[in-house]
């Protein structure tokens, strides 16, 4: 969860006890003339975070699915439009707090074994112009198909970077 008061992201359960870490940090930075740069993790939900949020994302098929068909409950799928909106909105919210910079961390998939969810499959098949019979085995086994798959995945990450860059720059 967010370690600051957020209207976009689930808030860390420790916020009430420990206070707003962003406000604490930026106040100290300003006091000592040090720049404050936010490092925000993309797509990844904290383990032990807001269970209701994770459960809702899972129920809405917004989390990544592994090659083995298992859901990876702590990673949001980059192809889901609600996840893209959530990430962009969270960066905009942070930009309005006026840090000196914002860095996108974990701006990637967790590994090569993710995401093979049905949304990714349908979008990839649409891009290819044909169905893939042996999903996801065929994607991994066929070298040319695998390269197209990696390109497809890169476009999902690039979409977030481009959207965040454009919209956050408008805030500064």
N, C-alpha and C. Protein backbone atom coordinates (compact mmCIF):
# COMPACT_ATOMS: atom_id res chain seq x y z
N UNK A 1 0.81 -1.19 0.00
CA UNK A 1 0.00 0.00 0.00
C UNK A 1 0.85 1.25 0.00
N UNK A 2 0.21 2.36 -0.16
CA UNK A 2 0.89 3.66 -0.17
C UNK A 2 1.26 4.05 1.26
N UNK A 3 2.44 4.60 1.42
CA UNK A 3 2.90 5.07 2.72
C UNK A 3 2.62 6.56 2.88
N UNK A 4 1.59 7.01 2.19
CA UNK A 4 1.14 8.41 2.26
C UNK A 4 -0.37 8.41 2.10
N UNK A 5 -0.98 9.52 2.41
CA UNK A 5 -2.43 9.62 2.26
C UNK A 5 -2.75 9.63 0.77
N UNK A 6 -3.40 8.59 0.31
CA UNK A 6 -3.70 8.44 -1.11
C UNK A 6 -5.19 8.27 -1.32
N UNK A 7 -5.68 8.91 -2.35
CA UNK A 7 -7.07 8.70 -2.74
C UNK A 7 -7.15 7.73 -3.91
N UNK A 8 -5.99 7.24 -4.37
CA UNK A 8 -5.91 6.37 -5.54
C UNK A 8 -5.55 4.94 -5.15
N UNK A 9 -4.53 4.81 -4.32
CA UNK A 9 -4.01 3.49 -3.93
C UNK A 9 -4.50 3.10 -2.54
N UNK A 10 -4.52 1.80 -2.27
CA UNK A 10 -4.79 1.39 -0.89
C UNK A 10 -3.67 1.93 0.00
N UNK A 11 -4.03 2.38 1.17
CA UNK A 11 -3.06 2.98 2.08
C UNK A 11 -2.49 1.90 2.99
N UNK A 12 -1.19 1.99 3.24
CA UNK A 12 -0.52 1.04 4.12
C UNK A 12 -1.20 1.03 5.49
N UNK A 13 -1.36 -0.15 6.03
CA UNK A 13 -2.03 -0.28 7.31
C UNK A 13 -1.31 0.43 8.45
N UNK A 14 -0.01 0.66 8.30
CA UNK A 14 0.78 1.32 9.33
C UNK A 14 0.67 2.84 9.29
N UNK A 15 -0.02 3.40 8.31
CA UNK A 15 -0.09 4.85 8.15
C UNK A 15 -0.66 5.53 9.39
N UNK A 16 -1.72 4.98 9.95
CA UNK A 16 -2.31 5.60 11.13
C UNK A 16 -1.33 5.62 12.29
N UNK A 17 -0.60 4.53 12.45
CA UNK A 17 0.34 4.42 13.56
C UNK A 17 1.61 5.23 13.31
N UNK A 18 2.16 5.13 12.09
CA UNK A 18 3.47 5.70 11.80
C UNK A 18 3.42 7.06 11.11
N UNK A 19 2.26 7.46 10.63
CA UNK A 19 2.15 8.75 9.95
C UNK A 19 2.49 8.67 8.46
N UNK A 20 2.29 9.79 7.79
CA UNK A 20 2.49 9.93 6.35
C UNK A 20 3.99 10.03 6.07
N UNK A 21 4.56 8.98 5.52
CA UNK A 21 6.00 8.94 5.27
C UNK A 21 6.44 9.92 4.19
N UNK A 22 5.58 10.16 3.20
CA UNK A 22 5.94 11.14 2.17
C UNK A 22 6.06 12.53 2.78
N UNK A 23 5.08 12.93 3.55
CA UNK A 23 5.11 14.26 4.18
C UNK A 23 6.32 14.40 5.09
N UNK A 24 6.60 13.36 5.84
CA UNK A 24 7.76 13.37 6.73
C UNK A 24 9.05 13.53 5.93
N UNK A 25 9.16 12.79 4.86
CA UNK A 25 10.37 12.82 4.03
C UNK A 25 10.53 14.16 3.33
N UNK A 26 9.48 14.64 2.69
CA UNK A 26 9.62 15.88 1.92
C UNK A 26 9.85 17.07 2.85
N UNK A 27 9.28 17.04 4.04
CA UNK A 27 9.53 18.11 5.01
C UNK A 27 10.99 18.14 5.42
N UNK A 28 11.56 16.97 5.69
CA UNK A 28 12.98 16.90 6.06
C UNK A 28 13.86 17.34 4.90
N UNK A 29 13.52 16.92 3.70
CA UNK A 29 14.30 17.31 2.52
C UNK A 29 14.28 18.82 2.34
N UNK A 30 13.12 19.42 2.43
CA UNK A 30 13.01 20.88 2.26
C UNK A 30 13.78 21.61 3.36
N UNK A 31 13.70 21.11 4.56
CA UNK A 31 14.38 21.73 5.71
C UNK A 31 15.89 21.78 5.47
N UNK A 32 16.45 20.71 4.90
CA UNK A 32 17.90 20.62 4.71
C UNK A 32 18.34 20.85 3.27
N UNK A 33 17.46 21.39 2.44
CA UNK A 33 17.76 21.70 1.03
C UNK A 33 18.27 20.47 0.26
N UNK A 34 17.57 19.37 0.45
CA UNK A 34 17.88 18.12 -0.25
C UNK A 34 16.72 17.82 -1.18
N UNK A 35 17.03 17.40 -2.40
CA UNK A 35 15.96 17.03 -3.32
C UNK A 35 15.25 15.77 -2.84
N UNK A 36 13.96 15.72 -3.10
CA UNK A 36 13.14 14.57 -2.74
C UNK A 36 12.67 13.89 -4.03
N UNK A 37 13.16 12.68 -4.25
CA UNK A 37 12.77 11.90 -5.42
C UNK A 37 11.99 10.68 -4.95
N UNK A 38 10.81 10.50 -5.51
CA UNK A 38 9.96 9.36 -5.17
C UNK A 38 10.30 8.19 -6.09
N UNK A 39 10.45 7.01 -5.52
CA UNK A 39 10.62 5.78 -6.27
C UNK A 39 9.35 4.99 -6.08
N UNK A 40 8.55 4.87 -7.14
CA UNK A 40 7.30 4.14 -7.03
C UNK A 40 7.40 2.83 -7.78
N UNK A 41 7.03 1.78 -7.09
CA UNK A 41 7.03 0.45 -7.70
C UNK A 41 5.79 0.31 -8.57
N UNK A 42 5.99 -0.14 -9.80
CA UNK A 42 4.90 -0.30 -10.77
C UNK A 42 4.41 -1.74 -10.78
N UNK A 43 3.12 -1.89 -10.92
CA UNK A 43 2.43 -3.17 -11.11
C UNK A 43 2.45 -4.09 -9.88
N UNK A 44 3.40 -3.92 -9.01
CA UNK A 44 3.58 -4.86 -7.90
C UNK A 44 2.81 -4.40 -6.67
N UNK A 45 2.05 -5.31 -6.11
CA UNK A 45 1.32 -5.02 -4.88
C UNK A 45 2.11 -5.62 -3.72
N UNK A 46 2.21 -4.86 -2.65
CA UNK A 46 3.00 -5.31 -1.50
C UNK A 46 2.40 -6.56 -0.88
N UNK A 47 3.27 -7.50 -0.55
CA UNK A 47 2.81 -8.67 0.19
C UNK A 47 2.39 -8.19 1.57
N UNK A 48 1.29 -8.71 2.05
CA UNK A 48 0.79 -8.28 3.34
C UNK A 48 0.06 -6.95 3.26
N UNK A 49 -0.24 -6.50 2.03
CA UNK A 49 -0.92 -5.23 1.84
C UNK A 49 -2.43 -5.39 2.01
N UNK A 50 -3.15 -4.53 1.37
CA UNK A 50 -4.61 -4.48 1.49
C UNK A 50 -5.24 -5.72 0.83
N UNK A 51 -5.61 -6.69 1.64
CA UNK A 51 -6.16 -7.95 1.13
C UNK A 51 -7.43 -7.73 0.32
N UNK A 52 -8.28 -6.80 0.75
CA UNK A 52 -9.52 -6.52 0.02
C UNK A 52 -9.22 -6.02 -1.39
N UNK A 53 -8.21 -5.16 -1.53
CA UNK A 53 -7.83 -4.64 -2.84
C UNK A 53 -7.31 -5.78 -3.72
N UNK A 54 -6.45 -6.62 -3.17
CA UNK A 54 -5.89 -7.75 -3.92
C UNK A 54 -7.00 -8.71 -4.32
N UNK A 55 -7.91 -9.02 -3.40
CA UNK A 55 -9.02 -9.91 -3.71
C UNK A 55 -9.90 -9.35 -4.82
N UNK A 56 -10.14 -8.05 -4.77
CA UNK A 56 -10.97 -7.41 -5.80
C UNK A 56 -10.25 -7.47 -7.16
N UNK A 57 -8.96 -7.16 -7.17
CA UNK A 57 -8.20 -7.22 -8.42
C UNK A 57 -8.20 -8.65 -8.98
N UNK A 58 -8.07 -9.62 -8.11
CA UNK A 58 -8.08 -11.03 -8.55
C UNK A 58 -9.45 -11.40 -9.11
N UNK A 59 -10.51 -10.97 -8.45
CA UNK A 59 -11.87 -11.28 -8.90
C UNK A 59 -12.17 -10.62 -10.26
N UNK A 60 -11.54 -9.48 -10.50
CA UNK A 60 -11.74 -8.76 -11.76
C UNK A 60 -10.73 -9.20 -12.85
N UNK A 61 -9.98 -10.27 -12.57
CA UNK A 61 -8.97 -10.78 -13.50
C UNK A 61 -7.97 -9.71 -13.91
N UNK A 62 -7.50 -8.95 -12.91
CA UNK A 62 -6.55 -7.87 -13.14
C UNK A 62 -5.14 -8.26 -12.70
N UNK A 63 -4.94 -9.48 -12.22
CA UNK A 63 -3.62 -9.88 -11.78
C UNK A 63 -2.97 -10.80 -12.80
N UNK A 64 -1.66 -10.89 -12.71
CA UNK A 64 -0.92 -11.68 -13.69
C UNK A 64 -1.11 -13.18 -13.45
N UNK A 65 -1.00 -13.90 -14.54
CA UNK A 65 -1.11 -15.36 -14.52
C UNK A 65 0.20 -15.92 -15.08
N UNK A 66 0.72 -16.91 -14.40
CA UNK A 66 1.97 -17.52 -14.81
C UNK A 66 1.80 -18.50 -15.96
N UNK A 67 2.92 -18.90 -16.54
CA UNK A 67 2.95 -19.91 -17.58
C UNK A 67 2.26 -21.18 -17.11
N UNK A 68 2.36 -21.44 -15.82
CA UNK A 68 1.76 -22.64 -15.22
C UNK A 68 0.26 -22.48 -14.94
N UNK A 69 -0.30 -21.30 -15.26
CA UNK A 69 -1.73 -21.06 -15.06
C UNK A 69 -2.09 -20.53 -13.68
N UNK A 70 -1.10 -20.39 -12.80
CA UNK A 70 -1.37 -19.90 -11.45
C UNK A 70 -1.36 -18.38 -11.42
N UNK A 71 -2.29 -17.84 -10.64
CA UNK A 71 -2.37 -16.39 -10.48
C UNK A 71 -1.26 -15.90 -9.55
N UNK A 72 -0.65 -14.82 -9.94
CA UNK A 72 0.40 -14.19 -9.14
C UNK A 72 -0.25 -13.00 -8.44
N UNK A 73 -0.74 -13.23 -7.26
CA UNK A 73 -1.60 -12.27 -6.56
C UNK A 73 -0.93 -10.96 -6.18
N UNK A 74 0.35 -10.84 -6.30
CA UNK A 74 0.97 -9.58 -5.93
C UNK A 74 1.46 -8.76 -7.14
N UNK A 75 1.03 -9.14 -8.35
CA UNK A 75 1.40 -8.39 -9.54
C UNK A 75 0.15 -8.09 -10.38
N UNK A 76 -0.05 -6.83 -10.70
CA UNK A 76 -1.14 -6.42 -11.60
C UNK A 76 -0.71 -6.65 -13.05
N UNK A 77 -1.66 -7.00 -13.89
CA UNK A 77 -1.39 -7.24 -15.31
C UNK A 77 -1.30 -5.91 -16.07
N UNK A 78 -0.18 -5.66 -16.76
CA UNK A 78 -0.03 -4.41 -17.51
C UNK A 78 -0.98 -4.24 -18.69
N UNK A 79 -1.64 -5.31 -19.13
CA UNK A 79 -2.55 -5.17 -20.27
C UNK A 79 -3.95 -4.73 -19.86
N UNK A 80 -4.24 -4.72 -18.57
CA UNK A 80 -5.58 -4.38 -18.12
C UNK A 80 -5.72 -2.85 -18.02
N UNK A 81 -6.71 -2.27 -18.70
CA UNK A 81 -6.84 -0.81 -18.71
C UNK A 81 -7.05 -0.19 -17.32
N UNK A 82 -7.72 -0.90 -16.42
CA UNK A 82 -7.89 -0.36 -15.07
C UNK A 82 -6.56 -0.30 -14.32
N UNK A 83 -5.67 -1.25 -14.60
CA UNK A 83 -4.36 -1.24 -13.97
C UNK A 83 -3.50 -0.10 -14.51
N UNK A 84 -3.58 0.11 -15.82
CA UNK A 84 -2.85 1.23 -16.43
C UNK A 84 -3.35 2.54 -15.84
N UNK A 85 -4.65 2.70 -15.74
CA UNK A 85 -5.23 3.91 -15.16
C UNK A 85 -4.80 4.09 -13.70
N UNK A 86 -4.81 3.01 -12.94
CA UNK A 86 -4.39 3.07 -11.54
C UNK A 86 -2.95 3.55 -11.43
N UNK A 87 -2.07 3.00 -12.24
CA UNK A 87 -0.67 3.40 -12.19
C UNK A 87 -0.51 4.87 -12.58
N UNK A 88 -1.12 5.28 -13.68
CA UNK A 88 -1.00 6.67 -14.12
C UNK A 88 -1.58 7.61 -13.07
N UNK A 89 -2.76 7.29 -12.56
CA UNK A 89 -3.39 8.15 -11.54
C UNK A 89 -2.54 8.26 -10.29
N UNK A 90 -1.89 7.16 -9.91
CA UNK A 90 -1.06 7.21 -8.70
C UNK A 90 0.18 8.09 -8.93
N UNK A 91 0.74 8.05 -10.13
CA UNK A 91 1.88 8.93 -10.42
C UNK A 91 1.44 10.39 -10.47
N UNK A 92 0.28 10.65 -11.01
CA UNK A 92 -0.24 12.02 -11.04
C UNK A 92 -0.48 12.54 -9.61
N UNK A 93 -1.03 11.68 -8.78
CA UNK A 93 -1.27 12.05 -7.38
C UNK A 93 0.06 12.41 -6.70
N UNK A 94 1.09 11.60 -6.95
CA UNK A 94 2.40 11.89 -6.37
C UNK A 94 2.98 13.19 -6.93
N UNK A 95 2.83 13.42 -8.22
CA UNK A 95 3.35 14.64 -8.84
C UNK A 95 2.75 15.88 -8.21
N UNK A 96 1.48 15.81 -7.86
CA UNK A 96 0.80 16.96 -7.25
C UNK A 96 1.33 17.26 -5.85
N UNK A 97 2.04 16.30 -5.25
CA UNK A 97 2.65 16.51 -3.94
C UNK A 97 4.00 17.23 -4.07
N UNK A 98 4.43 17.47 -5.27
CA UNK A 98 5.60 18.25 -5.61
C UNK A 98 6.96 17.70 -5.16
N UNK A 99 7.23 16.42 -5.44
CA UNK A 99 8.60 15.96 -5.22
C UNK A 99 9.48 16.56 -6.32
N UNK A 100 10.78 16.42 -6.18
CA UNK A 100 11.70 16.93 -7.19
C UNK A 100 11.83 15.99 -8.38
N UNK A 101 11.43 14.76 -8.19
CA UNK A 101 11.47 13.78 -9.27
C UNK A 101 10.67 12.56 -8.90
N UNK A 102 10.30 11.83 -9.94
CA UNK A 102 9.55 10.59 -9.74
C UNK A 102 10.22 9.52 -10.60
N UNK A 103 10.49 8.38 -9.99
CA UNK A 103 11.15 7.29 -10.69
C UNK A 103 10.23 6.08 -10.74
N UNK A 104 10.18 5.46 -11.89
CA UNK A 104 9.38 4.25 -12.07
C UNK A 104 10.25 3.04 -11.76
N UNK A 105 9.90 2.34 -10.71
CA UNK A 105 10.66 1.16 -10.30
C UNK A 105 9.84 -0.08 -10.64
N UNK A 106 10.50 -1.19 -10.86
CA UNK A 106 9.84 -2.43 -11.27
C UNK A 106 8.98 -2.20 -12.52
N UNK A 107 9.47 -1.38 -13.43
CA UNK A 107 8.73 -1.09 -14.64
C UNK A 107 8.98 -2.22 -15.63
N UNK A 108 8.40 -3.38 -15.24
CA UNK A 108 8.63 -4.61 -15.99
C UNK A 108 7.66 -5.68 -15.51
N UNK A 109 7.73 -6.81 -16.16
CA UNK A 109 7.05 -8.01 -15.68
C UNK A 109 7.96 -8.66 -14.63
N UNK A 110 7.43 -9.48 -13.75
CA UNK A 110 8.29 -10.08 -12.74
C UNK A 110 9.34 -11.03 -13.32
N UNK A 111 9.02 -11.65 -14.47
CA UNK A 111 9.93 -12.59 -15.11
C UNK A 111 9.34 -13.00 -16.46
N UNK A 112 9.98 -13.93 -17.14
CA UNK A 112 9.50 -14.38 -18.45
C UNK A 112 8.27 -15.30 -18.34
N UNK A 113 8.01 -15.78 -17.15
CA UNK A 113 6.90 -16.71 -16.95
C UNK A 113 5.56 -16.02 -16.71
N UNK A 114 5.49 -14.70 -16.85
CA UNK A 114 4.25 -13.96 -16.61
C UNK A 114 4.11 -12.88 -17.67
N UNK A 115 3.04 -12.45 -18.09
CA UNK A 115 1.67 -12.73 -17.77
C UNK A 115 1.04 -13.46 -18.96
N UNK A 116 0.41 -14.55 -18.66
CA UNK A 116 -0.25 -15.37 -19.67
C UNK A 116 -1.75 -15.46 -19.39
N UNK A 117 -2.31 -14.34 -18.91
CA UNK A 117 -3.75 -14.31 -18.61
C UNK A 117 -4.56 -14.32 -19.91
N UNK A 118 -5.85 -14.52 -19.78
CA UNK A 118 -6.73 -14.56 -20.96
C UNK A 118 -6.77 -13.23 -21.69
N UNK A 119 -6.70 -12.11 -20.97
CA UNK A 119 -6.70 -10.80 -21.62
C UNK A 119 -5.46 -10.66 -22.50
N UNK A 120 -4.29 -11.01 -21.94
CA UNK A 120 -3.05 -10.94 -22.73
C UNK A 120 -3.15 -11.85 -23.95
N UNK A 121 -3.69 -13.04 -23.74
CA UNK A 121 -3.83 -13.98 -24.86
C UNK A 121 -4.70 -13.37 -25.97
N UNK A 122 -5.86 -12.86 -25.60
CA UNK A 122 -6.77 -12.32 -26.62
C UNK A 122 -6.17 -11.11 -27.33
N UNK A 123 -5.52 -10.24 -26.59
CA UNK A 123 -4.90 -9.06 -27.22
C UNK A 123 -3.75 -9.47 -28.14
N UNK A 124 -2.97 -10.44 -27.71
CA UNK A 124 -1.85 -10.91 -28.53
C UNK A 124 -2.37 -11.60 -29.79
N UNK A 125 -3.38 -12.44 -29.64
CA UNK A 125 -3.96 -13.12 -30.81
C UNK A 125 -4.55 -12.10 -31.79
N UNK A 126 -5.16 -11.05 -31.26
CA UNK A 126 -5.71 -10.00 -32.12
C UNK A 126 -4.59 -9.31 -32.89
N UNK A 127 -3.49 -9.04 -32.20
CA UNK A 127 -2.34 -8.42 -32.85
C UNK A 127 -1.76 -9.33 -33.93
N UNK A 128 -1.71 -10.63 -33.66
CA UNK A 128 -1.20 -11.60 -34.63
C UNK A 128 -2.15 -11.81 -35.80
N UNK A 129 -3.44 -11.70 -35.52
CA UNK A 129 -4.44 -11.96 -36.54
C UNK A 129 -4.87 -13.41 -36.62
N UNK A 130 -4.49 -14.19 -35.61
CA UNK A 130 -4.91 -15.60 -35.57
C UNK A 130 -4.83 -16.12 -34.13
N UNK A 131 -5.52 -17.22 -33.91
CA UNK A 131 -5.53 -17.86 -32.58
C UNK A 131 -4.27 -18.69 -32.38
N UNK A 132 -3.95 -18.88 -31.11
CA UNK A 132 -2.84 -19.75 -30.73
C UNK A 132 -3.46 -20.96 -30.05
N UNK A 133 -3.29 -22.12 -30.67
CA UNK A 133 -3.95 -23.33 -30.18
C UNK A 133 -3.39 -23.83 -28.85
N UNK A 134 -2.09 -23.83 -28.72
CA UNK A 134 -1.46 -24.38 -27.52
C UNK A 134 -0.91 -23.25 -26.65
N UNK A 135 -1.81 -22.51 -26.06
CA UNK A 135 -1.44 -21.37 -25.20
C UNK A 135 -1.07 -21.88 -23.82
N UNK A 136 0.00 -21.43 -23.25
CA UNK A 136 1.06 -20.56 -23.75
C UNK A 136 2.27 -21.31 -24.29
N UNK A 137 2.20 -22.66 -24.30
CA UNK A 137 3.36 -23.47 -24.70
C UNK A 137 3.88 -23.10 -26.09
N UNK A 138 2.96 -22.86 -27.02
CA UNK A 138 3.34 -22.55 -28.39
C UNK A 138 4.13 -21.23 -28.46
N UNK A 139 3.77 -20.28 -27.61
CA UNK A 139 4.46 -18.98 -27.60
C UNK A 139 5.91 -19.14 -27.17
N UNK A 140 6.14 -19.99 -26.21
CA UNK A 140 7.50 -20.21 -25.70
C UNK A 140 8.31 -21.09 -26.63
N UNK A 141 7.69 -22.08 -27.23
CA UNK A 141 8.40 -23.05 -28.07
C UNK A 141 8.81 -22.49 -29.43
N UNK A 142 8.02 -21.63 -30.01
CA UNK A 142 8.27 -21.08 -31.34
C UNK A 142 9.09 -19.79 -31.21
N UNK A 143 10.31 -19.80 -31.72
CA UNK A 143 11.22 -18.65 -31.56
C UNK A 143 10.63 -17.35 -32.11
N UNK A 144 10.07 -17.38 -33.31
CA UNK A 144 9.51 -16.16 -33.90
C UNK A 144 8.29 -15.67 -33.13
N UNK A 145 7.46 -16.59 -32.73
CA UNK A 145 6.28 -16.23 -31.94
C UNK A 145 6.70 -15.66 -30.58
N UNK A 146 7.72 -16.24 -30.00
CA UNK A 146 8.23 -15.78 -28.70
C UNK A 146 8.74 -14.34 -28.81
N UNK A 147 9.46 -14.03 -29.88
CA UNK A 147 9.96 -12.67 -30.07
C UNK A 147 8.82 -11.67 -30.25
N UNK A 148 7.79 -12.08 -30.97
CA UNK A 148 6.60 -11.21 -31.11
C UNK A 148 5.93 -11.03 -29.76
N UNK A 149 5.89 -12.10 -28.96
CA UNK A 149 5.30 -12.05 -27.62
C UNK A 149 6.06 -11.05 -26.74
N UNK A 150 7.38 -11.13 -26.78
CA UNK A 150 8.17 -10.19 -25.98
C UNK A 150 7.94 -8.76 -26.46
N UNK A 151 7.79 -8.57 -27.75
CA UNK A 151 7.47 -7.25 -28.29
C UNK A 151 6.12 -6.76 -27.79
N UNK A 152 5.15 -7.66 -27.78
CA UNK A 152 3.81 -7.34 -27.26
C UNK A 152 3.93 -6.87 -25.80
N UNK A 153 4.68 -7.61 -25.01
CA UNK A 153 4.85 -7.26 -23.60
C UNK A 153 5.53 -5.89 -23.45
N UNK A 154 6.53 -5.63 -24.28
CA UNK A 154 7.22 -4.34 -24.21
C UNK A 154 6.27 -3.18 -24.50
N UNK A 155 5.32 -3.39 -25.42
CA UNK A 155 4.39 -2.30 -25.72
C UNK A 155 3.51 -1.95 -24.52
N UNK A 156 3.20 -2.93 -23.69
CA UNK A 156 2.39 -2.67 -22.49
C UNK A 156 3.17 -1.84 -21.48
N UNK A 157 4.44 -2.12 -21.33
CA UNK A 157 5.28 -1.35 -20.42
C UNK A 157 5.52 0.06 -20.97
N UNK A 158 5.79 0.14 -22.27
CA UNK A 158 6.01 1.43 -22.91
C UNK A 158 4.78 2.32 -22.80
N UNK A 159 3.60 1.73 -22.90
CA UNK A 159 2.36 2.52 -22.78
C UNK A 159 2.30 3.23 -21.44
N UNK A 160 2.70 2.55 -20.37
CA UNK A 160 2.69 3.20 -19.06
C UNK A 160 3.73 4.31 -19.01
N UNK A 161 4.93 4.03 -19.46
CA UNK A 161 6.00 5.04 -19.41
C UNK A 161 5.60 6.29 -20.19
N UNK A 162 5.08 6.10 -21.40
CA UNK A 162 4.67 7.25 -22.22
C UNK A 162 3.55 8.05 -21.56
N UNK A 163 2.56 7.37 -21.04
CA UNK A 163 1.43 8.05 -20.41
C UNK A 163 1.86 8.80 -19.16
N UNK A 164 2.66 8.16 -18.32
CA UNK A 164 3.14 8.82 -17.10
C UNK A 164 4.00 10.02 -17.46
N UNK A 165 4.94 9.84 -18.40
CA UNK A 165 5.83 10.94 -18.77
C UNK A 165 5.03 12.14 -19.27
N UNK A 166 4.09 11.91 -20.13
CA UNK A 166 3.31 13.01 -20.70
C UNK A 166 2.48 13.70 -19.62
N UNK A 167 1.75 12.92 -18.84
CA UNK A 167 0.82 13.52 -17.88
C UNK A 167 1.52 14.12 -16.66
N UNK A 168 2.58 13.49 -16.19
CA UNK A 168 3.30 14.03 -15.03
C UNK A 168 4.03 15.31 -15.42
N UNK A 169 4.61 15.35 -16.60
CA UNK A 169 5.30 16.57 -17.05
C UNK A 169 4.35 17.76 -17.09
N UNK A 170 3.09 17.52 -17.36
CA UNK A 170 2.11 18.60 -17.36
C UNK A 170 1.90 19.17 -15.97
N UNK A 171 2.22 18.39 -14.93
CA UNK A 171 2.08 18.84 -13.55
C UNK A 171 3.24 19.73 -13.11
N UNK A 172 4.40 19.56 -13.75
CA UNK A 172 5.59 20.31 -13.30
C UNK A 172 5.78 21.59 -14.07
